[in-house]
Amino acid sequence: MSEPVFGRVAIVGLGLMGGSTALAALERGVAGEIRGVDPAVDDAGSIPLVPLADAAAWADLVVLAVPIEAMGEVMRAAAPHLRPTTLLTDLASVKGPVAELARRHLPHPENCVGAHPMTGGHATGFGHARASLFEGAPCILALSGGEDPYVVDRIEDFWQCLGAFTVRKSPEEHDAIAAALSHLPHVVAFAYALGLPGDERLELAGPGLRDFIRIARSNPKLWCEILLMNRKRVAEESARFGKNLGAITEALERADRSELEKLLEAGRTGVNRLDERTKQRSKRTKPTGERRR
């Protein structure tokens, strides 16, 4: 990259997502300088660790990568130190409540653009961060409508240059999409894992089961907050899933081979649609790390 998208970037929260943002920005030259804020991290390698107030006053861009329950407190603490030209983005998995927090706590909420890279992993902490995390990943920019268009473009450039493929949605649209594509799948995995036997039968489990419940390894405290914040939309998706599961259960109880096969085929068709959409997205996406507008 010929020149950085931002000269000075502060990452608040150096877990898997924030740490990966920092490493990717360094490796790709997206930031001229990076500083990190995380009281739980003692050593971030080449990334200097500084207090939140110092980072907020120093940065051209502040990336908020803290748990959603801490977002309001961090915004309040950073607000007095932000310059009028400082831009902000966040990585929260639920956008409606975060947009409201920005309006309530930030002196210039029009300078804040929410982002949700649809990627991650069950392992947490800076030790698991990697610069390649965002390569080819969808990243939803959640726009409330009051953002400065110039700010939106700058933040979009930032995420694109980290390797992500960006789309623009409203916070409400984002939360509905996240409920269907991320939040409910976690609920289903947790619920199924909850019923696993606790004895030697588990020794007979094959890779299919492990693949299915992999995301149930995620942090329960973190996911509790995410699900509660988006509870209405997750409940709607859960009801839809329950209806489909109920239809399969009824077909089994009736030994209705024709109906059962029809339902299973419809499920496989859903997977095929996902695969096809993923291929189409890959064709539209330019090589990672380039501005796509």
Protein backbone atom coordinates (compact mmCIF):
# COMPACT_ATOMS: atom_id res chain seq x y z
CA MET A 1 0.00 0.00 0.00
CA SER A 2 1.41 3.38 -1.04
CA GLU A 3 0.23 5.28 2.00
CA PRO A 4 -1.69 4.47 5.20
CA VAL A 5 -5.46 4.97 5.33
CA PHE A 6 -4.95 6.53 8.79
CA GLY A 7 -1.79 7.91 10.30
CA ARG A 8 -2.54 7.03 13.93
CA VAL A 9 -4.89 4.21 14.94
CA ALA A 10 -5.78 3.26 18.51
CA ILE A 11 -7.30 -0.17 19.17
CA VAL A 12 -9.29 -0.36 22.41
CA GLY A 13 -9.50 -4.02 23.37
CA LEU A 14 -6.78 -6.41 22.17
CA GLY A 15 -8.66 -9.69 22.16
CA LEU A 16 -9.05 -11.89 19.09
CA MET A 17 -10.88 -9.25 17.03
CA GLY A 18 -9.10 -6.12 18.22
CA GLY A 19 -5.72 -7.81 18.22
CA SER A 20 -6.29 -9.10 14.69
CA THR A 21 -7.30 -5.59 13.58
CA ALA A 22 -4.05 -4.23 14.98
CA LEU A 23 -1.90 -6.95 13.41
CA ALA A 24 -3.62 -6.66 10.02
CA ALA A 25 -3.29 -2.87 9.99
CA LEU A 26 0.42 -3.17 10.76
CA GLU A 27 1.12 -5.94 8.26
CA ARG A 28 -0.79 -4.24 5.43
CA GLY A 29 0.42 -0.71 6.13
CA VAL A 30 -3.15 0.50 6.73
CA ALA A 31 -1.99 2.52 9.75
CA GLY A 32 1.12 4.62 10.10
CA GLU A 33 1.28 4.00 13.86
CA ILE A 34 -0.79 1.83 16.19
CA ARG A 35 -1.32 1.96 19.92
CA GLY A 36 -3.34 -0.43 22.02
CA VAL A 37 -5.51 -0.10 25.10
CA ASP A 38 -6.20 -3.19 27.18
CA PRO A 39 -5.57 -3.49 30.93
CA ALA A 40 -5.74 -7.29 30.61
CA VAL A 41 -2.81 -7.45 28.17
CA ASP A 42 0.73 -7.15 29.54
CA ASP A 43 2.63 -7.51 26.27
CA ALA A 44 1.32 -6.77 22.76
CA GLY A 45 4.65 -7.19 21.00
CA SER A 46 5.46 -4.17 18.84
CA ILE A 47 2.17 -2.44 19.72
CA PRO A 48 2.67 0.15 22.51
CA LEU A 49 0.10 -0.10 25.31
CA VAL A 50 -1.26 3.23 26.59
CA PRO A 51 -4.13 4.48 28.78
CA LEU A 52 -7.49 5.08 27.12
CA ALA A 53 -7.36 8.87 27.61
CA ASP A 54 -3.96 9.10 25.92
CA ALA A 55 -5.06 6.90 23.02
CA ALA A 56 -8.26 8.88 22.45
CA ALA A 57 -6.39 12.20 22.37
CA TRP A 58 -3.66 10.83 20.07
CA ALA A 59 -5.54 8.83 17.45
CA ASP A 60 -6.96 9.75 14.05
CA LEU A 61 -9.07 6.58 14.27
CA VAL A 62 -10.25 4.78 17.40
CA VAL A 63 -11.37 1.17 16.97
CA LEU A 64 -13.62 -0.02 19.81
CA ALA A 65 -13.15 -3.77 20.16
CA VAL A 66 -14.50 -4.24 23.69
CA PRO A 67 -17.36 -6.50 24.85
CA ILE A 68 -20.74 -4.97 24.15
CA GLU A 69 -21.57 -4.53 27.83
CA ALA A 70 -18.47 -2.33 28.23
CA MET A 71 -19.09 -0.19 25.13
CA GLY A 72 -21.02 2.61 26.86
CA GLU A 73 -18.47 2.96 29.64
CA VAL A 74 -15.57 3.09 27.17
CA MET A 75 -17.33 5.70 25.04
CA ARG A 76 -18.01 7.87 28.10
CA ALA A 77 -14.40 7.61 29.26
CA ALA A 78 -12.96 8.39 25.82
CA ALA A 79 -15.37 11.19 24.90
CA PRO A 80 -13.69 14.13 26.75
CA HIS A 81 -10.35 13.37 25.06
CA LEU A 82 -11.49 12.92 21.45
CA ARG A 83 -10.62 15.63 18.94
CA PRO A 84 -13.44 16.90 16.68
CA THR A 85 -11.74 15.23 13.70
CA THR A 86 -11.19 11.84 15.36
CA LEU A 87 -13.11 9.01 13.69
CA LEU A 88 -14.41 5.89 15.43
CA THR A 89 -15.54 2.42 14.46
CA ASP A 90 -16.57 -0.56 16.58
CA LEU A 91 -16.70 -4.32 16.19
CA ALA A 92 -19.83 -5.09 18.22
CA SER A 93 -22.04 -7.97 17.08
CA VAL A 94 -25.25 -6.02 17.79
CA LYS A 95 -25.60 -2.58 16.23
CA GLY A 96 -28.88 -0.99 17.27
CA PRO A 97 -27.93 -0.53 20.96
CA VAL A 98 -24.37 0.57 20.07
CA ALA A 99 -25.67 3.25 17.69
CA GLU A 100 -27.79 4.59 20.53
CA LEU A 101 -24.78 4.59 22.87
CA ALA A 102 -22.80 6.60 20.31
CA ARG A 103 -25.56 9.20 20.06
CA ARG A 104 -25.74 9.41 23.84
CA HIS A 105 -22.07 9.50 24.80
CA LEU A 106 -19.94 10.76 21.90
CA PRO A 107 -19.49 14.49 21.25
CA HIS A 108 -19.56 13.87 17.47
CA PRO A 109 -21.61 10.72 16.81
CA GLU A 110 -21.54 11.54 13.10
CA ASN A 111 -17.86 10.54 13.22
CA CYS A 112 -18.66 6.99 14.36
CA VAL A 113 -19.42 4.17 11.90
CA GLY A 114 -20.30 0.78 13.34
CA ALA A 115 -18.74 -2.25 11.66
CA HIS A 116 -19.19 -5.98 12.13
CA PRO A 117 -16.65 -8.23 10.41
CA MET A 118 -18.47 -11.56 10.05
CA THR A 119 -15.52 -13.66 11.12
CA GLY A 120 -13.86 -14.75 14.34
CA GLY A 121 -13.27 -17.93 16.31
CA HIS A 122 -13.99 -19.56 19.64
CA ALA A 123 -10.44 -18.99 20.93
CA THR A 124 -10.07 -15.61 22.61
CA GLY A 125 -7.25 -13.29 23.60
CA PHE A 126 -4.40 -11.49 21.89
CA GLY A 127 -2.41 -14.71 21.68
CA HIS A 128 -4.90 -16.02 19.10
CA ALA A 129 -5.03 -12.83 17.02
CA ARG A 130 -3.86 -13.10 13.42
CA ALA A 131 -3.39 -10.59 10.63
CA SER A 132 -5.24 -12.78 8.11
CA LEU A 133 -8.52 -12.93 10.05
CA PHE A 134 -10.40 -10.48 7.82
CA GLU A 135 -9.21 -11.75 4.42
CA GLY A 136 -12.28 -12.24 2.24
CA ALA A 137 -14.66 -11.83 5.20
CA PRO A 138 -17.92 -9.89 4.88
CA CYS A 139 -17.96 -6.73 6.99
CA ILE A 140 -21.30 -5.00 7.57
CA LEU A 141 -21.18 -1.24 8.05
CA ALA A 142 -24.22 -0.29 10.15
CA LEU A 143 -25.31 3.22 9.17
CA SER A 144 -27.90 5.13 11.20
CA GLY A 145 -28.20 7.89 8.61
CA GLY A 146 -26.52 10.71 10.52
CA GLU A 147 -22.95 9.79 9.65
CA ASP A 148 -20.82 12.13 7.58
CA PRO A 149 -20.48 10.52 4.09
CA TYR A 150 -16.76 11.32 4.09
CA VAL A 151 -16.40 9.49 7.40
CA VAL A 152 -18.26 6.46 6.05
CA ASP A 153 -15.94 6.31 3.05
CA ARG A 154 -12.83 6.54 5.25
CA ILE A 155 -14.02 3.78 7.58
CA GLU A 156 -15.02 1.62 4.62
CA ASP A 157 -11.54 2.07 3.13
CA PHE A 158 -10.03 0.98 6.43
CA TRP A 159 -11.94 -2.31 6.57
CA GLN A 160 -11.49 -3.02 2.88
CA CYS A 161 -7.74 -2.54 3.17
CA LEU A 162 -7.69 -5.08 6.01
CA GLY A 163 -9.02 -7.57 3.46
CA ALA A 164 -12.76 -7.45 4.19
CA PHE A 165 -15.64 -7.21 1.72
CA THR A 166 -17.93 -4.41 2.91
CA VAL A 167 -21.68 -3.90 2.63
CA ARG A 168 -23.79 -1.05 4.01
CA LYS A 169 -26.92 -1.73 6.06
CA SER A 170 -28.92 0.02 8.75
CA PRO A 171 -28.38 -1.09 12.38
CA GLU A 172 -31.82 -2.73 12.32
CA GLU A 173 -31.05 -4.62 9.11
CA HIS A 174 -27.70 -5.70 10.53
CA ASP A 175 -29.24 -7.05 13.71
CA ALA A 176 -31.82 -9.07 11.77
CA ILE A 177 -29.10 -10.50 9.51
CA ALA A 178 -26.82 -11.30 12.45
CA ALA A 179 -29.67 -13.06 14.28
CA ALA A 180 -30.25 -15.40 11.33
CA LEU A 181 -26.66 -15.99 10.23
CA SER A 182 -24.71 -15.89 13.49
CA HIS A 183 -26.68 -15.53 16.71
CA LEU A 184 -29.25 -18.32 16.30
CA PRO A 185 -26.65 -20.83 15.01
CA HIS A 186 -24.77 -20.26 18.27
CA VAL A 187 -27.97 -20.82 20.25
CA VAL A 188 -28.62 -24.10 18.43
CA ALA A 189 -25.06 -25.31 18.97
CA PHE A 190 -25.14 -24.44 22.67
CA ALA A 191 -28.56 -26.08 23.08
CA TYR A 192 -27.48 -29.29 21.39
CA ALA A 193 -24.23 -29.44 23.37
CA LEU A 194 -26.28 -28.98 26.54
CA GLY A 195 -27.91 -32.37 25.89
CA LEU A 196 -24.76 -34.36 25.15
CA PRO A 197 -24.28 -37.45 27.33
CA GLY A 198 -21.74 -37.16 30.10
CA ASP A 199 -20.35 -40.67 29.93
CA GLU A 200 -18.12 -42.88 27.79
CA ARG A 201 -20.45 -42.63 24.80
CA LEU A 202 -18.74 -39.34 23.95
CA GLU A 203 -15.61 -41.32 23.04
CA LEU A 204 -17.51 -42.60 20.01
CA ALA A 205 -18.25 -39.14 18.57
CA GLY A 206 -17.06 -38.54 15.03
CA PRO A 207 -15.94 -35.34 13.31
CA GLY A 208 -19.45 -34.50 12.14
CA LEU A 209 -20.62 -33.83 15.69
CA ARG A 210 -17.54 -31.76 16.46
CA ASP A 211 -18.05 -29.71 13.30
CA PHE A 212 -21.68 -29.11 14.21
CA ILE A 213 -21.09 -27.91 17.77
CA ARG A 214 -17.72 -26.18 17.27
CA ILE A 215 -19.15 -22.71 17.89
CA ALA A 216 -20.49 -23.83 21.28
CA ARG A 217 -16.88 -23.51 22.44
CA SER A 218 -17.38 -19.73 22.35
CA ASN A 219 -17.28 -17.61 25.50
CA PRO A 220 -20.65 -18.03 27.31
CA LYS A 221 -20.45 -14.66 29.08
CA LEU A 222 -19.80 -12.83 25.82
CA TRP A 223 -22.56 -14.66 24.00
CA CYS A 224 -25.03 -14.15 26.82
CA GLU A 225 -24.63 -10.38 26.36
CA ILE A 226 -24.89 -10.59 22.56
CA LEU A 227 -28.05 -12.70 22.69
CA LEU A 228 -29.73 -10.51 25.30
CA MET A 229 -28.93 -7.37 23.33
CA ASN A 230 -30.53 -8.88 20.21
CA ARG A 231 -33.10 -11.01 22.00
CA LYS A 232 -36.18 -9.97 20.00
CA ARG A 233 -34.69 -10.87 16.62
CA VAL A 234 -33.02 -14.01 17.94
CA ALA A 235 -36.36 -15.11 19.42
CA GLU A 236 -38.02 -14.58 16.02
CA GLU A 237 -35.37 -16.71 14.30
CA SER A 238 -35.64 -19.32 17.05
CA ALA A 239 -39.38 -19.60 16.44
CA ARG A 240 -38.73 -20.09 12.72
CA PHE A 241 -36.17 -22.80 13.48
CA GLY A 242 -38.54 -24.43 15.96
CA LYS A 243 -41.24 -24.60 13.31
CA ASN A 244 -38.88 -26.37 10.89
CA LEU A 245 -37.61 -28.75 13.57
CA GLY A 246 -41.21 -29.45 14.58
CA ALA A 247 -42.11 -30.35 11.00
CA ILE A 248 -39.24 -32.85 10.85
CA THR A 249 -40.23 -34.31 14.23
CA GLU A 250 -43.83 -34.76 13.09
CA ALA A 251 -42.72 -36.52 9.91
CA LEU A 252 -40.60 -38.88 12.00
CA GLU A 253 -43.44 -39.62 14.41
CA ARG A 254 -45.74 -40.45 11.47
CA ALA A 255 -42.99 -42.42 9.70
CA ASP A 256 -43.83 -40.22 6.71
CA ARG A 257 -40.92 -41.00 4.41
CA SER A 258 -42.10 -38.71 1.61
CA GLU A 259 -42.51 -35.65 3.85
CA LEU A 260 -39.26 -36.31 5.71
CA GLU A 261 -37.29 -36.61 2.49
CA LYS A 262 -38.90 -33.42 1.16
CA LEU A 263 -37.88 -31.51 4.31
CA LEU A 264 -34.33 -32.86 4.26
CA GLU A 265 -34.00 -32.00 0.57
CA ALA A 266 -35.21 -28.46 1.32
CA GLY A 267 -32.51 -28.20 3.99
CA ARG A 268 -29.84 -29.35 1.58
CA THR A 269 -31.09 -26.82 -0.96
CA GLY A 270 -30.54 -24.12 1.67
CA VAL A 271 -26.93 -25.21 2.03
CA ASN A 272 -26.51 -25.18 -1.75
CA ARG A 273 -27.87 -21.63 -1.88
CA LEU A 274 -25.31 -20.61 0.73
CA ASP A 275 -22.50 -22.18 -1.29
CA GLU A 276 -23.65 -20.48 -4.49
CA ARG A 277 -23.93 -17.07 -2.83
CA THR A 278 -20.45 -17.50 -1.37
CA LYS A 279 -19.06 -18.25 -4.84
CA GLN A 280 -20.82 -15.20 -6.30
CA ARG A 281 -19.39 -13.01 -3.55
CA SER A 282 -15.89 -14.33 -4.23
CA LYS A 283 -16.21 -13.45 -7.92
CA ARG A 284 -17.28 -9.89 -7.09
CA THR A 285 -14.52 -9.39 -4.54
CA LYS A 286 -11.21 -7.94 -5.73
CA PRO A 287 -7.92 -9.17 -4.23
CA THR A 288 -7.86 -8.49 -0.52
CA GLY A 289 -6.33 -5.30 0.74
CA GLU A 290 -7.54 -3.10 -2.14
CA ARG A 291 -10.14 -0.33 -2.00
CA ARG A 292 -13.21 -1.70 -3.73
CA ARG A 293 -15.19 1.44 -4.58
